[in-house]
Amino acid sequence: MQRILIIGGGATGLIVASNLLRTAKNKTLICIAEPRNILGQGVAYSTEDRGHVLNVPASRMSMYVDELEHFMKWADADKNFFAPRKVYAEYLMDSFRAAESNSQVASSEHIPMKVLDLKESNDSWMAIFSDGTSREFDVVVVAIGHGPAFELSANISSNSKYVADAWRTAPQSLEGTLLGIGTGLTFVDHALSHLRRSVSNSVIGISRNGLLPESHLPHRAEPLVVPAQSRTSPDAVRNFIESAVDWRAAQDGVRHELPIIWNSWSEDQKNLFLTRDLRWWNVHRHRLAPEVAEEIRDEIAKGRLKVLATELVSLDDSEFGTSAQLANGDTVKVDAVLNCLGYRTPGDESLLGALFKSEVAARGPLNLGLKTNFPEFQIISMNGTVHQNFYALGPVLFGERFETTAIPEIRAQAAAISSSIIR
């Protein structure tokens, strides 16, 4: 019997497991190490708020590359439908169970623990779990999700009104004026939830650029083909998108080719893109569902939602409450401050730290995530050895692939890894 360990049981891990269950030809046990009691949720899909919807239409959300209408059929949804993320979590789990039920040779086991370390043992791997136990596996797949949230300065993070992680620690009963740090998709979700909760609530969002995400159109156009001259540098990519008649179709074309484009760039070009163009890319790439964008515009028009191009300098408590000092000179009274800046690439605080220490794995480009044998997904050791039975996908490959966190990328990676393992 082949023993496969998937480390991480969020959407990424569950999609890999489901692909393996569907394609296994011999007796196989698929173990998923995930501390959460429920698989398939992770940070992305753990919300219970049905107002938090996907930012990708149903036509792009299938788990399987060979059944692109799988989610649409499951949800009985139009291709342009933006489903609640809670519904998508149910789809992931339901599809996983169906894959296991339909398999004649493969089964799964949920191990509700973290993996602290991995040790090579001849042609297999010994996994060390958080309870001190260990087990041996023939194949390991690293599918851990996002790292810790980006942090603010100590004088801000120590304030009692500050919530350090919008998804992992945010309370559900905030009232009054909410200040959001960062104005991307996370901010939009929490801002609208806060405004829907009470007519007396208000929201202020601040970021360096003061920009909200762009919106999807009601009907998605086909991605444009990216010419060779538009792949050569960050400037070339940006010019291609900004000069296109339909910038959305141009960016979608770049996105589909970006791992290859990114891999062809030098370290300096990659660093330039991250430091200069990342915010621009994210504003255009991570788009709002049309109905969400309309609700945002409506709340801005009502004056309940404000978005400012500035930064938070300090939080000051007094007998009159908490005041936020902003870099533009404004002072605003707030009842809660929510960190909506997003998450770092997993690093030394995770299993990756142990793998780097033992030199079982090497760091990816720009020291972000893991290094693999691109375009394949096998992890490379510090001495350059390619581990034939050790794979990675998802956020841990940010440094190597850049676009590696959305379902269209994850399902392709999962299919490729599953095919390699089964072979």
Protein backbone atom coordinates (compact mmCIF):
# COMPACT_ATOMS: atom_id res chain seq x y z
CA MET A 1 0.00 0.00 0.00
CA GLN A 2 1.26 3.45 -0.90
CA ARG A 3 1.19 5.90 2.02
CA ILE A 4 0.84 9.57 1.06
CA LEU A 5 1.00 12.44 3.53
CA ILE A 6 -0.52 15.82 2.60
CA ILE A 7 0.59 18.55 4.99
CA GLY A 8 -2.20 21.11 5.17
CA GLY A 9 -5.92 20.45 4.95
CA GLY A 10 -7.23 23.71 3.59
CA ALA A 11 -8.52 24.06 0.03
CA THR A 12 -5.09 23.30 -1.45
CA GLY A 13 -4.62 20.08 0.50
CA LEU A 14 -8.16 18.89 -0.12
CA ILE A 15 -7.91 19.47 -3.87
CA VAL A 16 -4.69 17.42 -4.00
CA ALA A 17 -6.32 14.66 -1.96
CA SER A 18 -9.41 14.62 -4.16
CA ASN A 19 -7.30 14.37 -7.32
CA LEU A 20 -5.35 11.46 -5.82
CA LEU A 21 -8.52 9.67 -4.74
CA ARG A 22 -9.92 9.94 -8.27
CA THR A 23 -6.80 8.72 -10.06
CA ALA A 24 -5.23 6.12 -7.73
CA LYS A 25 -4.74 2.78 -9.46
CA ASN A 26 -3.36 0.75 -6.55
CA LYS A 27 -4.17 0.52 -2.86
CA THR A 28 -3.41 3.94 -1.36
CA LEU A 29 -3.83 5.65 2.01
CA ILE A 30 -3.95 9.45 1.85
CA CYS A 31 -3.31 11.09 5.22
CA ILE A 32 -4.08 14.80 5.65
CA ALA A 33 -2.29 16.53 8.52
CA GLU A 34 -4.47 19.49 9.49
CA PRO A 35 -5.00 20.82 13.05
CA ARG A 36 -8.46 22.16 12.21
CA ASN A 37 -11.37 19.82 12.84
CA ILE A 38 -12.90 20.62 9.46
CA LEU A 39 -11.00 20.08 6.21
CA GLY A 40 -11.13 22.34 3.17
CA GLN A 41 -11.56 25.68 4.87
CA GLY A 42 -8.29 27.16 6.06
CA VAL A 43 -8.10 30.95 6.05
CA ALA A 44 -9.86 31.38 2.72
CA TYR A 45 -13.11 29.49 3.25
CA SER A 46 -13.70 29.42 6.99
CA THR A 47 -16.03 32.42 7.01
CA GLU A 48 -19.65 31.82 8.04
CA ASP A 49 -20.84 35.10 6.46
CA ARG A 50 -22.72 34.30 3.26
CA GLY A 51 -22.11 37.90 2.19
CA HIS A 52 -18.44 37.01 1.70
CA VAL A 53 -18.41 35.84 -1.91
CA LEU A 54 -15.75 34.45 -4.22
CA ASN A 55 -13.87 36.94 -6.37
CA VAL A 56 -13.77 34.45 -9.25
CA PRO A 57 -16.89 33.42 -11.21
CA ALA A 58 -18.25 29.88 -10.99
CA SER A 59 -16.89 28.96 -14.42
CA ARG A 60 -13.33 29.22 -13.03
CA MET A 61 -13.81 27.43 -9.70
CA SER A 62 -13.87 23.72 -10.52
CA MET A 63 -11.53 21.50 -8.46
CA TYR A 64 -10.63 19.49 -11.55
CA VAL A 65 -8.83 20.48 -14.75
CA ASP A 66 -10.63 17.72 -16.67
CA GLU A 67 -14.12 18.84 -15.54
CA LEU A 68 -14.18 22.63 -15.78
CA GLU A 69 -17.93 22.78 -15.17
CA HIS A 70 -17.73 20.60 -12.05
CA PHE A 71 -18.49 23.41 -9.59
CA MET A 72 -21.15 24.98 -11.83
CA LYS A 73 -22.99 21.65 -12.00
CA TRP A 74 -22.63 21.01 -8.28
CA ALA A 75 -23.98 24.45 -7.40
CA ASP A 76 -26.47 24.53 -10.31
CA ALA A 77 -25.01 27.95 -11.06
CA ASP A 78 -24.53 30.17 -14.08
CA LYS A 79 -20.92 30.55 -15.23
CA ASN A 80 -20.91 34.22 -14.13
CA PHE A 81 -22.23 33.50 -10.62
CA PHE A 82 -20.05 34.57 -7.67
CA ALA A 83 -20.83 32.06 -4.94
CA PRO A 84 -20.53 32.64 -1.18
CA ARG A 85 -17.22 31.33 0.09
CA LYS A 86 -19.09 29.25 2.67
CA VAL A 87 -20.85 27.47 -0.19
CA TYR A 88 -17.51 26.82 -1.87
CA ALA A 89 -16.18 25.26 1.33
CA GLU A 90 -19.17 22.91 1.27
CA TYR A 91 -18.40 22.07 -2.36
CA LEU A 92 -14.80 21.20 -1.53
CA MET A 93 -15.78 18.86 1.27
CA ASP A 94 -18.68 17.29 -0.63
CA SER A 95 -16.48 16.63 -3.67
CA PHE A 96 -13.73 15.17 -1.50
CA ARG A 97 -16.18 12.77 0.13
CA ALA A 98 -17.57 11.79 -3.28
CA ALA A 99 -14.08 11.11 -4.61
CA GLU A 100 -13.32 8.85 -1.66
CA SER A 101 -16.66 7.08 -1.87
CA ASN A 102 -16.18 6.38 -5.58
CA SER A 103 -12.62 5.08 -5.23
CA GLN A 104 -12.15 1.34 -5.24
CA VAL A 105 -8.56 1.41 -4.01
CA ALA A 106 -7.87 4.65 -2.10
CA SER A 107 -8.97 5.94 1.30
CA SER A 108 -8.16 8.94 3.50
CA GLU A 109 -7.32 9.69 7.11
CA HIS A 110 -7.45 13.08 8.84
CA ILE A 111 -4.56 13.54 11.28
CA PRO A 112 -5.60 16.54 13.44
CA MET A 113 -2.07 17.74 14.16
CA LYS A 114 0.75 19.84 12.77
CA VAL A 115 3.82 18.29 11.19
CA LEU A 116 6.86 19.75 12.97
CA ASP A 117 9.60 18.07 10.93
CA LEU A 118 10.35 15.53 8.24
CA LYS A 119 13.30 13.12 8.25
CA GLU A 120 14.55 11.15 5.26
CA SER A 121 14.39 7.43 5.88
CA ASN A 122 15.83 5.45 2.95
CA ASP A 123 13.24 5.97 0.19
CA SER A 124 10.53 7.25 2.53
CA TRP A 125 9.85 10.10 4.97
CA MET A 126 9.39 10.06 8.72
CA ALA A 127 6.91 12.75 9.78
CA ILE A 128 7.20 14.14 13.32
CA PHE A 129 3.83 15.34 14.62
CA SER A 130 3.01 17.99 17.22
CA ASP A 131 2.04 15.36 19.82
CA GLY A 132 5.51 13.79 19.62
CA THR A 133 4.48 10.77 17.57
CA SER A 134 5.94 9.87 14.19
CA ARG A 135 4.83 7.93 11.12
CA GLU A 136 6.48 6.81 7.90
CA PHE A 137 5.20 7.78 4.43
CA ASP A 138 6.19 6.95 0.88
CA VAL A 139 5.27 10.37 -0.53
CA VAL A 140 4.85 13.79 1.08
CA VAL A 141 3.06 16.83 -0.36
CA VAL A 142 3.51 20.22 1.32
CA ALA A 143 0.22 22.08 0.92
CA ILE A 144 0.35 24.50 3.84
CA GLY A 145 -1.48 27.76 3.29
CA HIS A 146 -0.58 31.33 4.02
CA GLY A 147 1.94 32.40 6.63
CA PRO A 148 1.35 34.92 9.44
CA ALA A 149 -0.34 38.27 8.87
CA PHE A 150 1.79 41.28 8.04
CA GLU A 151 2.55 43.11 11.27
CA LEU A 152 2.28 46.75 12.29
CA SER A 153 4.51 48.61 14.75
CA ALA A 154 4.44 47.68 18.43
CA ASN A 155 2.79 50.93 19.54
CA ILE A 156 -0.18 50.04 17.33
CA SER A 157 -0.34 46.26 17.78
CA SER A 158 -0.35 46.56 21.58
CA ASN A 159 -3.54 48.65 21.61
CA SER A 160 -6.62 46.81 22.88
CA LYS A 161 -8.72 48.06 19.93
CA TYR A 162 -6.34 46.54 17.39
CA VAL A 163 -7.18 43.20 15.72
CA ALA A 164 -3.99 41.73 14.30
CA ASP A 165 -5.47 39.17 11.89
CA ALA A 166 -8.65 39.90 9.97
CA TRP A 167 -9.57 36.25 9.36
CA ARG A 168 -7.97 34.21 12.11
CA THR A 169 -8.78 36.40 15.13
CA ALA A 170 -11.37 39.01 14.11
CA PRO A 171 -14.40 39.10 16.46
CA GLN A 172 -17.85 39.11 14.91
CA SER A 173 -19.44 41.78 17.12
CA LEU A 174 -17.52 44.96 16.33
CA GLU A 175 -19.65 48.08 16.59
CA GLY A 176 -19.13 51.78 15.84
CA THR A 177 -16.37 53.11 13.60
CA LEU A 178 -14.07 50.49 12.10
CA LEU A 179 -10.67 51.49 10.74
CA GLY A 180 -9.28 49.04 8.19
CA ILE A 181 -5.56 48.96 7.45
CA GLY A 182 -5.25 47.90 3.82
CA THR A 183 -8.01 48.30 1.22
CA GLY A 184 -7.96 45.03 -0.71
CA LEU A 185 -10.47 42.19 -0.83
CA THR A 186 -10.17 41.38 2.88
CA PHE A 187 -11.02 44.97 3.75
CA VAL A 188 -14.03 44.96 1.43
CA ASP A 189 -15.44 41.79 3.03
CA HIS A 190 -15.11 43.07 6.58
CA ALA A 191 -16.19 46.60 5.74
CA LEU A 192 -19.45 45.45 4.17
CA SER A 193 -20.13 42.97 6.98
CA HIS A 194 -19.65 45.80 9.48
CA LEU A 195 -21.92 48.16 7.58
CA ARG A 196 -24.63 45.52 7.12
CA ARG A 197 -24.59 44.79 10.85
CA SER A 198 -25.95 48.18 11.92
CA VAL A 199 -27.06 51.39 10.24
CA SER A 200 -25.06 53.30 12.87
CA ASN A 201 -21.77 51.65 11.92
CA SER A 202 -19.18 53.33 9.71
CA VAL A 203 -15.89 52.33 8.10
CA ILE A 204 -12.67 54.10 7.17
CA GLY A 205 -10.15 52.29 5.00
CA ILE A 206 -6.57 53.45 4.61
CA SER A 207 -3.72 52.26 2.38
CA ARG A 208 -0.70 53.81 0.74
CA ASN A 209 -2.43 54.02 -2.63
CA GLY A 210 -5.95 54.58 -1.34
CA LEU A 211 -7.29 52.26 -4.04
CA LEU A 212 -10.02 49.66 -3.79
CA PRO A 213 -9.94 46.53 -5.98
CA GLU A 214 -11.22 46.85 -9.51
CA SER A 215 -14.42 45.05 -10.47
CA HIS A 216 -15.19 42.11 -12.70
CA LEU A 217 -17.46 42.80 -15.64
CA PRO A 218 -20.82 40.97 -15.67
CA HIS A 219 -19.46 38.72 -18.44
CA ARG A 220 -15.83 37.63 -18.60
CA ALA A 221 -13.94 38.07 -21.88
CA GLU A 222 -11.49 35.46 -23.12
CA PRO A 223 -7.87 36.08 -22.04
CA LEU A 224 -5.58 37.69 -24.61
CA VAL A 225 -2.51 35.98 -25.98
CA VAL A 226 0.63 37.54 -24.54
CA PRO A 227 3.21 38.25 -27.28
CA ALA A 228 6.85 37.36 -26.69
CA GLN A 229 7.98 40.99 -26.41
CA SER A 230 5.45 41.59 -23.62
CA ARG A 231 6.96 38.87 -21.41
CA THR A 232 10.52 40.12 -21.13
CA SER A 233 10.31 42.43 -18.09
CA PRO A 234 7.98 44.00 -15.53
CA ASP A 235 7.76 47.10 -17.74
CA ALA A 236 6.79 45.01 -20.76
CA VAL A 237 4.06 43.19 -18.82
CA ARG A 238 2.64 46.41 -17.39
CA ASN A 239 2.69 48.16 -20.77
CA PHE A 240 0.86 45.23 -22.38
CA ILE A 241 -1.92 45.37 -19.79
CA GLU A 242 -2.26 49.14 -19.61
CA SER A 243 -2.27 49.64 -23.39
CA ALA A 244 -4.85 46.92 -24.10
CA VAL A 245 -8.37 47.89 -25.13
CA ASP A 246 -9.61 45.39 -22.53
CA TRP A 247 -7.08 45.45 -19.67
CA ARG A 248 -8.93 42.66 -17.86
CA ALA A 249 -8.50 40.26 -20.77
CA ALA A 250 -4.86 41.31 -21.08
CA GLN A 251 -4.14 40.72 -17.40
CA ASP A 252 -5.96 37.39 -17.46
CA GLY A 253 -3.70 36.37 -20.34
CA VAL A 254 -0.60 37.37 -18.38
CA ARG A 255 -1.87 35.61 -15.27
CA HIS A 256 -2.22 32.28 -17.06
CA GLU A 257 1.37 32.53 -18.29
CA LEU A 258 2.86 34.29 -15.29
CA PRO A 259 4.65 31.34 -13.65
CA ILE A 260 6.60 30.84 -16.89
CA ILE A 261 7.14 34.59 -17.36
CA TRP A 262 8.17 34.99 -13.73
CA ASN A 263 10.59 32.09 -13.88
CA SER A 264 12.31 33.65 -16.91
CA TRP A 265 13.01 36.94 -15.11
CA SER A 266 16.18 37.71 -13.19
CA GLU A 267 16.16 38.11 -9.41
CA ASP A 268 16.43 41.90 -9.92
CA GLN A 269 13.39 41.94 -12.21
CA LYS A 270 11.36 39.87 -9.76
CA ASN A 271 12.33 42.17 -6.91
CA LEU A 272 11.45 45.25 -8.98
CA PHE A 273 8.00 43.84 -9.72
CA LEU A 274 7.33 43.08 -6.06
CA THR A 275 8.54 46.44 -4.78
CA ARG A 276 7.15 48.68 -7.51
CA ASP A 277 4.26 46.90 -9.22
CA LEU A 278 2.72 44.53 -6.68
CA ARG A 279 0.05 46.94 -5.43
CA TRP A 280 -0.88 47.87 -8.98
CA TRP A 281 -1.10 44.18 -9.92
CA ASN A 282 -3.24 43.28 -6.91
CA VAL A 283 -5.73 46.13 -7.43
CA HIS A 284 -6.38 44.93 -10.97
CA ARG A 285 -5.89 41.20 -10.49
CA HIS A 286 -7.98 40.56 -7.34
CA ARG A 287 -11.31 41.94 -8.55
CA LEU A 288 -14.65 42.35 -6.87
CA ALA A 289 -17.82 40.59 -7.90
CA PRO A 290 -19.97 43.16 -9.76
CA GLU A 291 -22.67 43.20 -7.07
CA VAL A 292 -20.08 43.74 -4.33
CA ALA A 293 -18.51 46.63 -6.25
CA GLU A 294 -21.96 48.21 -6.59
CA GLU A 295 -22.58 47.90 -2.85
CA ILE A 296 -19.22 49.51 -2.12
CA ARG A 297 -20.00 52.45 -4.42
CA ASP A 298 -23.37 52.87 -2.74
CA GLU A 299 -21.86 52.96 0.77
CA ILE A 300 -19.26 55.51 -0.33
CA ALA A 301 -22.01 57.68 -1.80
CA LYS A 302 -23.92 57.49 1.49
CA GLY A 303 -20.82 58.59 3.40
CA ARG A 304 -20.72 55.48 5.58
CA LEU A 305 -17.52 54.27 3.91
CA LYS A 306 -14.42 56.37 3.30
CA VAL A 307 -11.15 55.32 1.68
CA LEU A 308 -8.03 57.41 2.22
CA ALA A 309 -4.52 57.29 0.76
CA THR A 310 -2.55 57.48 3.99
CA GLU A 311 -0.98 55.40 6.75
CA LEU A 312 -1.64 54.84 10.44
CA VAL A 313 0.94 56.59 12.63
CA SER A 314 -0.35 55.73 16.11
CA LEU A 315 -3.32 54.76 18.26
CA ASP A 316 -3.86 56.86 21.36
CA ASP A 317 -6.23 56.06 24.22
CA SER A 318 -7.86 58.69 26.43
CA GLU A 319 -10.95 59.06 28.60
CA PHE A 320 -12.83 59.96 25.43
CA GLY A 321 -11.90 56.78 23.56
CA THR A 322 -9.27 55.72 21.01
CA SER A 323 -7.95 58.11 18.37
CA ALA A 324 -6.05 57.11 15.25
CA GLN A 325 -3.36 59.53 14.11
CA LEU A 326 -2.96 59.36 10.33
CA ALA A 327 0.05 60.36 8.24
CA ASN A 328 -2.04 62.92 6.32
CA GLY A 329 -2.57 64.87 9.55
CA ASP A 330 -6.10 63.66 10.26
CA THR A 331 -7.19 62.34 13.64
CA VAL A 332 -10.18 60.00 13.71
CA LYS A 333 -11.96 58.42 16.64
CA VAL A 334 -12.26 54.65 16.19
CA ASP A 335 -13.89 51.76 18.01
CA ALA A 336 -11.82 49.03 16.34
CA VAL A 337 -8.78 48.77 14.07
CA LEU A 338 -8.55 45.75 11.77
CA ASN A 339 -5.39 44.57 10.03
CA CYS A 340 -6.43 43.79 6.44
CA LEU A 341 -2.93 43.74 4.94
CA GLY A 342 -2.98 40.03 4.17
CA TYR A 343 -0.47 37.28 4.82
CA ARG A 344 3.20 36.61 4.34
CA THR A 345 4.59 33.68 2.39
CA PRO A 346 5.10 30.74 4.80
CA GLY A 347 8.62 30.80 6.18
CA ASP A 348 10.76 29.88 9.17
CA GLU A 349 7.81 30.06 11.59
CA SER A 350 6.31 27.00 9.85
CA LEU A 351 7.48 23.50 8.93
CA LEU A 352 9.67 25.19 6.32
CA GLY A 353 12.00 26.44 9.05
CA ALA A 354 12.83 22.88 10.09
CA LEU A 355 13.32 21.83 6.47
CA PHE A 356 15.73 24.69 5.83
CA LYS A 357 17.64 23.97 9.05
CA SER A 358 18.19 20.34 8.09
CA GLU A 359 18.93 21.38 4.48
CA VAL A 360 16.26 18.98 3.25
CA ALA A 361 14.78 21.93 1.34
CA ALA A 362 16.20 25.08 -0.25
CA ARG A 363 14.67 28.54 -0.22
CA GLY A 364 12.87 29.79 -3.30
CA PRO A 365 13.72 32.93 -5.31
CA LEU A 366 14.02 36.11 -3.24
CA ASN A 367 14.16 33.76 -0.21
CA LEU A 368 10.40 33.29 -0.48
CA GLY A 369 8.97 29.81 0.10
CA LEU A 370 10.43 26.59 -1.31
CA LYS A 371 12.55 25.80 -4.34
CA THR A 372 11.33 23.07 -6.71
CA ASN A 373 12.40 21.69 -10.09
CA PHE A 374 10.27 24.16 -12.06
CA PRO A 375 8.10 23.58 -14.04
CA GLU A 376 7.59 20.43 -11.96
CA PHE A 377 6.76 20.50 -8.25
CA GLN A 378 9.39 18.29 -6.60
CA ILE A 379 11.26 19.96 -3.73
CA ILE A 380 15.00 20.53 -4.11
CA SER A 381 17.40 20.11 -1.20
CA MET A 382 20.08 22.61 -0.24
CA ASN A 383 22.70 20.57 -2.11
CA GLY A 384 20.62 20.58 -5.30
CA THR A 385 19.14 17.08 -5.05
CA VAL A 386 15.62 16.73 -6.45
CA HIS A 387 13.45 14.68 -4.07
CA GLN A 388 11.43 12.35 -6.27
CA ASN A 389 8.78 11.72 -3.60
CA PHE A 390 8.52 15.17 -2.00
CA TYR A 391 6.23 17.80 -3.55
CA ALA A 392 4.96 21.32 -2.87
CA LEU A 393 2.21 23.53 -4.22
CA GLY A 394 0.22 26.65 -3.35
CA PRO A 395 1.43 29.64 -1.32
CA VAL A 396 4.78 28.00 -0.44
CA LEU A 397 5.75 28.44 -4.11
CA PHE A 398 5.14 32.20 -4.19
CA GLY A 399 8.81 33.02 -4.76
CA GLU A 400 9.05 30.54 -7.61
CA ARG A 401 5.70 31.05 -9.35
CA PHE A 402 4.19 34.29 -7.97
CA GLU A 403 0.65 33.42 -9.10
CA THR A 404 0.05 30.33 -6.98
CA THR A 405 -2.81 30.94 -4.54
CA ALA A 406 -6.06 30.97 -6.54
CA ILE A 407 -8.12 27.89 -7.38
CA PRO A 408 -7.37 27.93 -11.16
CA GLU A 409 -3.65 27.66 -10.35
CA ILE A 410 -4.09 25.25 -7.43
CA ARG A 411 -6.17 22.74 -9.39
CA ALA A 412 -3.60 22.65 -12.21
CA GLN A 413 -0.78 22.12 -9.73
CA ALA A 414 -2.76 19.44 -7.89
CA ALA A 415 -3.50 17.58 -11.12
CA ALA A 416 0.17 17.65 -12.16
CA ILE A 417 1.37 16.42 -8.76
CA SER A 418 -1.27 13.69 -8.57
CA SER A 419 -0.35 12.48 -12.05
CA SER A 420 3.35 12.39 -11.10
CA ILE A 421 2.66 10.45 -7.89
CA ILE A 422 0.39 7.93 -9.60
CA ARG A 423 3.00 7.35 -12.35
